[in-house]
Amino acid sequence: MGFDYSYKCTTPVPEQHKVSERQLQLAVSLKKPIVIHCQKADEELLDIMRKHVSFDQKIHEHCFTGSSPAIKLLLKYFLNSVTEANHNSPTMKNLGK
Protein backbone atom coordinates (compact mmCIF):
# COMPACT_ATOMS: atom_id res chain seq x y z
CA MET A 1 0.00 0.00 0.00
CA GLY A 2 1.10 3.58 -0.24
CA PHE A 3 1.31 6.75 -2.21
CA ASP A 4 3.12 7.58 -5.40
CA TYR A 5 3.22 11.27 -6.24
CA SER A 6 5.83 10.81 -8.95
CA TYR A 7 5.16 11.72 -12.55
CA LYS A 8 4.92 8.01 -13.41
CA CYS A 9 1.72 7.46 -11.40
CA THR A 10 -1.56 8.42 -13.04
CA THR A 11 -3.86 7.52 -10.12
CA PRO A 12 -5.38 10.71 -8.63
CA VAL A 13 -4.08 11.58 -5.15
CA PRO A 14 -7.53 11.47 -3.46
CA GLU A 15 -8.04 7.94 -4.78
CA GLN A 16 -4.59 6.91 -3.53
CA HIS A 17 -5.52 8.24 -0.07
CA LYS A 18 -8.87 6.45 0.00
CA VAL A 19 -7.46 3.09 -1.06
CA SER A 20 -4.43 3.34 1.22
CA GLU A 21 -6.56 4.14 4.26
CA ARG A 22 -8.75 1.12 3.56
CA GLN A 23 -5.70 -1.11 3.12
CA LEU A 24 -4.18 0.15 6.38
CA GLN A 25 -7.40 -0.48 8.27
CA LEU A 26 -7.67 -3.98 6.82
CA ALA A 27 -4.05 -4.87 7.66
CA VAL A 28 -4.50 -3.62 11.23
CA SER A 29 -7.78 -5.48 11.73
CA LEU A 30 -6.22 -8.72 10.43
CA LYS A 31 -2.98 -8.12 12.34
CA LYS A 32 -0.95 -8.40 9.15
CA PRO A 33 2.35 -6.64 8.40
CA ILE A 34 2.14 -3.55 6.23
CA VAL A 35 4.40 -3.15 3.21
CA ILE A 36 4.69 0.45 2.12
CA HIS A 37 5.51 2.02 -1.21
CA CYS A 38 5.89 5.77 -0.94
CA GLN A 39 7.21 8.17 -3.55
CA LYS A 40 7.34 11.88 -2.72
CA ALA A 41 4.55 11.67 -0.11
CA ASP A 42 6.27 10.90 3.20
CA GLU A 43 4.41 13.48 5.31
CA GLU A 44 0.98 12.49 4.01
CA LEU A 45 1.70 8.81 4.54
CA LEU A 46 2.93 9.36 8.09
CA ASP A 47 -0.17 11.45 8.92
CA ILE A 48 -2.54 8.72 7.74
CA MET A 49 -0.53 5.97 9.41
CA ARG A 50 -0.56 7.80 12.74
CA LYS A 51 -4.37 7.92 12.54
CA HIS A 52 -4.90 4.24 11.75
CA VAL A 53 -1.85 2.20 12.79
CA SER A 54 -0.63 1.32 16.28
CA PHE A 55 2.96 1.97 17.32
CA ASP A 56 3.78 -1.76 17.41
CA GLN A 57 2.42 -2.68 13.96
CA LYS A 58 4.94 -4.52 11.78
CA ILE A 59 5.87 -2.26 8.87
CA HIS A 60 8.27 -2.64 5.95
CA GLU A 61 8.92 0.38 3.77
CA HIS A 62 10.66 -0.78 0.61
CA CYS A 63 12.84 1.29 -1.72
CA PHE A 64 12.81 4.30 0.58
CA THR A 65 13.82 7.49 -1.24
CA GLY A 66 12.58 10.13 1.20
CA SER A 67 14.45 12.41 3.56
CA SER A 68 16.36 11.63 6.74
CA PRO A 69 13.75 13.41 8.91
CA ALA A 70 10.98 11.32 7.32
CA ILE A 71 12.67 8.01 8.06
CA LYS A 72 13.53 9.13 11.60
CA LEU A 73 9.84 9.93 12.25
CA LEU A 74 8.73 6.59 10.87
CA LEU A 75 11.17 4.78 13.16
CA LYS A 76 10.19 6.96 16.11
CA TYR A 77 6.43 6.37 15.83
CA PHE A 78 6.46 2.76 14.65
CA LEU A 79 8.82 0.64 16.69
CA ASN A 80 8.54 -2.49 14.52
CA SER A 81 9.30 -0.76 11.24
CA VAL A 82 12.01 -1.74 8.80
CA THR A 83 13.11 0.44 5.93
CA GLU A 84 14.93 -0.73 2.84
CA ALA A 85 16.89 1.82 0.85
CA ASN A 86 19.87 2.10 -1.40
CA HIS A 87 22.81 2.44 0.98
CA ASN A 88 24.51 4.85 -1.44
CA SER A 89 21.58 7.30 -1.50
CA PRO A 90 22.08 10.75 0.04
CA THR A 91 19.33 9.95 2.55
CA MET A 92 21.18 6.95 3.91
CA LYS A 93 24.52 8.75 3.99
CA ASN A 94 22.97 11.60 6.03
CA LEU A 95 20.82 9.49 8.33
CA GLY A 96 23.21 9.62 11.25
CA LYS A 97 23.56 13.42 11.10
C-alpha atoms as a PDB file:
ATOM      1  CA  MET A   1       0.000   0.000   0.000  1.00  0.00           C
ATOM      2  CA  GLY A   2       1.105   3.578  -0.243  1.00  0.00           C
ATOM      3  CA  PHE A   3       1.311   6.751  -2.210  1.00  0.00           C
ATOM      4  CA  ASP A   4       3.121   7.581  -5.395  1.00  0.00           C
ATOM      5  CA  TYR A   5       3.218  11.274  -6.240  1.00  0.00           C
ATOM      6  CA  SER A   6       5.834  10.815  -8.950  1.00  0.00           C
ATOM      7  CA  TYR A   7       5.161  11.724 -12.545  1.00  0.00           C
ATOM      8  CA  LYS A   8       4.916   8.012 -13.405  1.00  0.00           C
ATOM      9  CA  CYS A   9       1.725   7.462 -11.402  1.00  0.00           C
ATOM     10  CA  THR A  10      -1.560   8.421 -13.036  1.00  0.00           C
ATOM     11  CA  THR A  11      -3.860   7.523 -10.118  1.00  0.00           C
ATOM     12  CA  PRO A  12      -5.379  10.711  -8.632  1.00  0.00           C
ATOM     13  CA  VAL A  13      -4.079  11.579  -5.151  1.00  0.00           C
ATOM     14  CA  PRO A  14      -7.529  11.471  -3.462  1.00  0.00           C
ATOM     15  CA  GLU A  15      -8.036   7.945  -4.780  1.00  0.00           C
ATOM     16  CA  GLN A  16      -4.594   6.913  -3.525  1.00  0.00           C
ATOM     17  CA  HIS A  17      -5.516   8.244  -0.066  1.00  0.00           C
ATOM     18  CA  LYS A  18      -8.869   6.454   0.003  1.00  0.00           C
ATOM     19  CA  VAL A  19      -7.460   3.086  -1.065  1.00  0.00           C
ATOM     20  CA  SER A  20      -4.430   3.336   1.221  1.00  0.00           C
ATOM     21  CA  GLU A  21      -6.563   4.143   4.262  1.00  0.00           C
ATOM     22  CA  ARG A  22      -8.754   1.119   3.558  1.00  0.00           C
ATOM     23  CA  GLN A  23      -5.704  -1.106   3.117  1.00  0.00           C
ATOM     24  CA  LEU A  24      -4.176   0.150   6.384  1.00  0.00           C
ATOM     25  CA  GLN A  25      -7.399  -0.479   8.268  1.00  0.00           C
ATOM     26  CA  LEU A  26      -7.667  -3.978   6.819  1.00  0.00           C
ATOM     27  CA  ALA A  27      -4.054  -4.875   7.662  1.00  0.00           C
ATOM     28  CA  VAL A  28      -4.497  -3.620  11.227  1.00  0.00           C
ATOM     29  CA  SER A  29      -7.779  -5.484  11.726  1.00  0.00           C
ATOM     30  CA  LEU A  30      -6.224  -8.719  10.427  1.00  0.00           C
ATOM     31  CA  LYS A  31      -2.976  -8.122  12.345  1.00  0.00           C
ATOM     32  CA  LYS A  32      -0.947  -8.404   9.153  1.00  0.00           C
ATOM     33  CA  PRO A  33       2.349  -6.637   8.398  1.00  0.00           C
ATOM     34  CA  ILE A  34       2.142  -3.553   6.232  1.00  0.00           C
ATOM     35  CA  VAL A  35       4.398  -3.155   3.206  1.00  0.00           C
ATOM     36  CA  ILE A  36       4.692   0.453   2.120  1.00  0.00           C
ATOM     37  CA  HIS A  37       5.507   2.016  -1.215  1.00  0.00           C
ATOM     38  CA  CYS A  38       5.888   5.772  -0.941  1.00  0.00           C
ATOM     39  CA  GLN A  39       7.208   8.170  -3.549  1.00  0.00           C
ATOM     40  CA  LYS A  40       7.343  11.885  -2.716  1.00  0.00           C
ATOM     41  CA  ALA A  41       4.550  11.666  -0.111  1.00  0.00           C
ATOM     42  CA  ASP A  42       6.272  10.897   3.197  1.00  0.00           C
ATOM     43  CA  GLU A  43       4.408  13.476   5.310  1.00  0.00           C
ATOM     44  CA  GLU A  44       0.978  12.487   4.013  1.00  0.00           C
ATOM     45  CA  LEU A  45       1.702   8.811   4.542  1.00  0.00           C
ATOM     46  CA  LEU A  46       2.931   9.365   8.089  1.00  0.00           C
ATOM     47  CA  ASP A  47      -0.169  11.446   8.922  1.00  0.00           C
ATOM     48  CA  ILE A  48      -2.543   8.719   7.742  1.00  0.00           C
ATOM     49  CA  MET A  49      -0.533   5.969   9.414  1.00  0.00           C
ATOM     50  CA  ARG A  50      -0.557   7.799  12.745  1.00  0.00           C
ATOM     51  CA  LYS A  51      -4.365   7.917  12.544  1.00  0.00           C
ATOM     52  CA  HIS A  52      -4.898   4.239  11.748  1.00  0.00           C
ATOM     53  CA  VAL A  53      -1.847   2.201  12.794  1.00  0.00           C
ATOM     54  CA  SER A  54      -0.633   1.317  16.285  1.00  0.00           C
ATOM     55  CA  PHE A  55       2.964   1.966  17.315  1.00  0.00           C
ATOM     56  CA  ASP A  56       3.785  -1.764  17.410  1.00  0.00           C
ATOM     57  CA  GLN A  57       2.422  -2.682  13.964  1.00  0.00           C
ATOM     58  CA  LYS A  58       4.939  -4.521  11.778  1.00  0.00           C
ATOM     59  CA  ILE A  59       5.869  -2.257   8.873  1.00  0.00           C
ATOM     60  CA  HIS A  60       8.266  -2.639   5.954  1.00  0.00           C
ATOM     61  CA  GLU A  61       8.919   0.375   3.766  1.00  0.00           C
ATOM     62  CA  HIS A  62      10.664  -0.781   0.609  1.00  0.00           C
ATOM     63  CA  CYS A  63      12.836   1.285  -1.720  1.00  0.00           C
ATOM     64  CA  PHE A  64      12.810   4.300   0.577  1.00  0.00           C
ATOM     65  CA  THR A  65      13.816   7.490  -1.238  1.00  0.00           C
ATOM     66  CA  GLY A  66      12.577  10.129   1.204  1.00  0.00           C
ATOM     67  CA  SER A  67      14.450  12.405   3.558  1.00  0.00           C
ATOM     68  CA  SER A  68      16.359  11.630   6.740  1.00  0.00           C
ATOM     69  CA  PRO A  69      13.747  13.411   8.907  1.00  0.00           C
ATOM     70  CA  ALA A  70      10.982  11.316   7.319  1.00  0.00           C
ATOM     71  CA  ILE A  71      12.667   8.014   8.058  1.00  0.00           C
ATOM     72  CA  LYS A  72      13.525   9.132  11.599  1.00  0.00           C
ATOM     73  CA  LEU A  73       9.843   9.933  12.249  1.00  0.00           C
ATOM     74  CA  LEU A  74       8.733   6.586  10.868  1.00  0.00           C
ATOM     75  CA  LEU A  75      11.174   4.777  13.157  1.00  0.00           C
ATOM     76  CA  LYS A  76      10.188   6.961  16.110  1.00  0.00           C
ATOM     77  CA  TYR A  77       6.431   6.370  15.834  1.00  0.00           C
ATOM     78  CA  PHE A  78       6.456   2.755  14.652  1.00  0.00           C
ATOM     79  CA  LEU A  79       8.822   0.640  16.692  1.00  0.00           C
ATOM     80  CA  ASN A  80       8.542  -2.486  14.516  1.00  0.00           C
ATOM     81  CA  SER A  81       9.297  -0.757  11.240  1.00  0.00           C
ATOM     82  CA  VAL A  82      12.009  -1.744   8.799  1.00  0.00           C
ATOM     83  CA  THR A  83      13.111   0.442   5.931  1.00  0.00           C
ATOM     84  CA  GLU A  84      14.934  -0.730   2.837  1.00  0.00           C
ATOM     85  CA  ALA A  85      16.894   1.816   0.852  1.00  0.00           C
ATOM     86  CA  ASN A  86      19.870   2.099  -1.404  1.00  0.00           C
ATOM     87  CA  HIS A  87      22.809   2.438   0.983  1.00  0.00           C
ATOM     88  CA  ASN A  88      24.512   4.854  -1.445  1.00  0.00           C
ATOM     89  CA  SER A  89      21.582   7.297  -1.495  1.00  0.00           C
ATOM     90  CA  PRO A  90      22.082  10.750   0.042  1.00  0.00           C
ATOM     91  CA  THR A  91      19.334   9.949   2.548  1.00  0.00           C
ATOM     92  CA  MET A  92      21.183   6.949   3.913  1.00  0.00           C
ATOM     93  CA  LYS A  93      24.525   8.753   3.995  1.00  0.00           C
ATOM     94  CA  ASN A  94      22.974  11.599   6.028  1.00  0.00           C
ATOM     95  CA  LEU A  95      20.817   9.489   8.328  1.00  0.00           C
ATOM     96  CA  GLY A  96      23.212   9.622  11.255  1.00  0.00           C
ATOM     97  CA  LYS A  97      23.560  13.420  11.100  1.00  0.00           C
END
